[in-house]
Protein backbone atom coordinates (compact mmCIF):
# COMPACT_ATOMS: atom_id res chain seq x y z
CA MET A 1 114.34 141.57 61.08
CA SER A 2 114.86 142.46 64.72
CA TYR A 3 113.32 140.40 67.48
CA PHE A 4 114.35 142.97 70.07
CA LYS A 5 113.06 146.42 70.92
CA PRO A 6 115.69 149.12 71.55
CA GLU A 7 114.48 149.51 75.14
CA GLU A 8 115.50 145.90 75.83
CA THR A 9 119.14 147.01 75.54
CA ALA A 10 118.71 150.37 77.30
CA CYS A 11 120.80 151.54 80.22
CA PRO A 12 118.59 151.61 83.35
CA CYS A 13 120.25 154.89 84.34
CA CYS A 14 120.12 157.07 81.22
CA GLY A 15 118.14 155.11 78.62
CA ALA A 16 120.91 154.94 75.99
CA VAL A 17 120.66 151.79 73.87
CA VAL A 18 122.77 149.30 71.92
CA LEU A 19 122.48 150.14 68.24
CA GLN A 20 120.17 147.72 66.47
CA THR A 21 122.66 147.50 63.58
CA SER A 22 125.61 146.45 65.73
CA PRO A 23 127.31 143.04 65.34
CA ILE A 24 126.11 142.10 68.82
CA MET A 25 122.47 142.65 67.84
CA SER A 26 123.04 140.71 64.62
CA PHE A 27 124.21 137.85 66.83
CA ALA A 28 121.20 138.10 69.16
CA ASN A 29 118.75 138.10 66.26
CA HIS A 30 120.56 135.23 64.55
CA VAL A 31 120.49 133.06 67.70
CA ARG A 32 116.84 133.95 68.36
CA ARG A 33 115.96 132.84 64.83
CA LEU A 34 117.95 129.59 65.19
CA LEU A 35 116.44 128.67 68.55
CA GLY A 36 112.91 129.64 67.62
CA LYS A 37 112.26 130.97 71.11
CA SER A 38 112.44 134.32 72.79
CA LEU A 39 115.61 135.45 74.53
CA THR A 40 115.76 137.82 77.50
CA ILE A 41 118.47 140.47 77.49
CA THR A 42 119.34 141.17 81.10
CA SER A 43 121.94 143.83 80.33
CA GLY A 44 122.80 145.81 77.22
CA PHE A 45 124.26 149.30 77.15
CA ARG A 46 125.50 150.72 80.45
CA CYS A 47 126.64 154.28 80.98
CA LEU A 48 129.83 154.58 83.02
CA SER A 49 127.95 155.91 86.06
CA TYR A 50 125.55 152.97 86.13
CA ASN A 51 128.30 150.44 85.40
CA ARG A 52 130.26 151.65 88.42
CA THR A 53 127.32 150.80 90.70
CA LEU A 54 127.49 147.11 89.76
CA PRO A 55 129.59 144.60 91.69
CA ASN A 56 132.50 143.11 89.74
CA SER A 57 132.17 145.70 86.97
CA SER A 58 135.05 147.31 85.14
CA ASP A 59 135.53 150.72 83.56
CA LYS A 60 136.70 148.73 80.51
CA SER A 61 133.39 146.87 80.21
CA LYS A 62 132.19 146.32 76.65
CA HIS A 63 128.70 147.23 77.92
CA ILE A 64 129.92 150.84 78.22
CA GLN A 65 130.88 150.78 74.55
CA GLY A 66 127.49 149.35 73.58
CA VAL A 67 128.99 146.16 72.12
CA ALA A 68 127.95 143.65 74.81
CA LEU A 69 124.84 141.79 75.88
CA ASP A 70 124.01 139.55 78.80
CA ILE A 71 121.38 137.00 77.80
CA SER A 72 119.46 135.08 80.47
CA THR A 73 119.86 131.31 80.42
CA GLU A 74 116.92 130.75 82.77
CA ASN A 75 114.65 129.24 80.11
CA LEU A 76 117.33 127.76 77.87
CA SER A 77 118.20 124.08 77.60
CA GLY A 78 121.76 122.79 77.48
CA VAL A 79 121.42 122.45 73.70
CA ASP A 80 120.19 126.08 73.43
CA LYS A 81 123.24 127.26 75.39
CA TYR A 82 125.51 125.16 73.19
CA VAL A 83 123.98 126.70 70.04
CA MET A 84 124.44 130.20 71.47
CA ILE A 85 128.11 129.58 72.27
CA ARG A 86 128.75 127.81 68.96
CA GLU A 87 127.30 130.77 67.04
CA ALA A 88 129.32 133.25 69.11
CA ILE A 89 132.49 131.36 68.17
CA LYS A 90 131.49 131.24 64.49
CA MET A 91 130.88 135.00 64.51
CA GLY A 92 134.21 135.73 66.21
CA LEU A 93 132.63 137.03 69.41
CA ARG A 94 133.93 136.80 72.94
CA PHE A 95 131.73 135.18 75.59
CA GLY A 96 131.47 134.51 79.29
CA ILE A 97 129.38 131.79 80.89
CA TYR A 98 127.73 132.52 84.24
CA LYS A 99 125.12 130.82 86.44
CA SER A 100 122.20 132.86 85.15
CA HIS A 101 123.37 134.34 81.85
CA ILE A 102 125.78 134.25 78.96
CA HIS A 103 127.71 137.43 78.25
CA VAL A 104 128.60 138.04 74.60
CA ASP A 105 130.62 140.95 73.26
CA TYR A 106 132.16 142.20 70.05
CA SER A 107 135.66 143.53 70.16
CA SER A 108 137.43 144.23 66.92
CA GLY A 109 141.16 143.79 67.21
CA GLU A 110 141.12 142.12 70.62
CA LYS A 111 141.92 138.51 71.30
CA LYS A 112 138.89 136.23 71.08
CA VAL A 113 138.36 134.68 74.48
CA CYS A 114 135.89 132.83 76.65
CA TRP A 115 135.58 132.76 80.42
CA TRP A 116 133.24 131.68 83.19
CA GLY A 117 132.15 133.22 86.44
CA GLU A 118 129.93 132.76 89.47
CA TYR A 119 127.46 135.66 89.53
């Protein structure tokens, strides 16, 4: 079951989406089910052109490959955030913690890492 519509992961520039069958969407659905509350995806797929318009973006962004999501933490408790990060670790995903969102991405063959940032 998917809790997310494809347009929630669409690039604002071209409309391309993260595949609903990707590991990153499996993660999002799993966490949504565990938390029992809706999650807001603030960024999913990004085409290279759109990604280049964003501050602090990289041409190596996992968003360009369609294997990354930014999930808003605005309405999440500390426990909700903990559950999200715990599940990302269990699923072998990489994650970044920011003021307003948690970035999660899938990268087969790359080192599993976590990081934090300001924006």
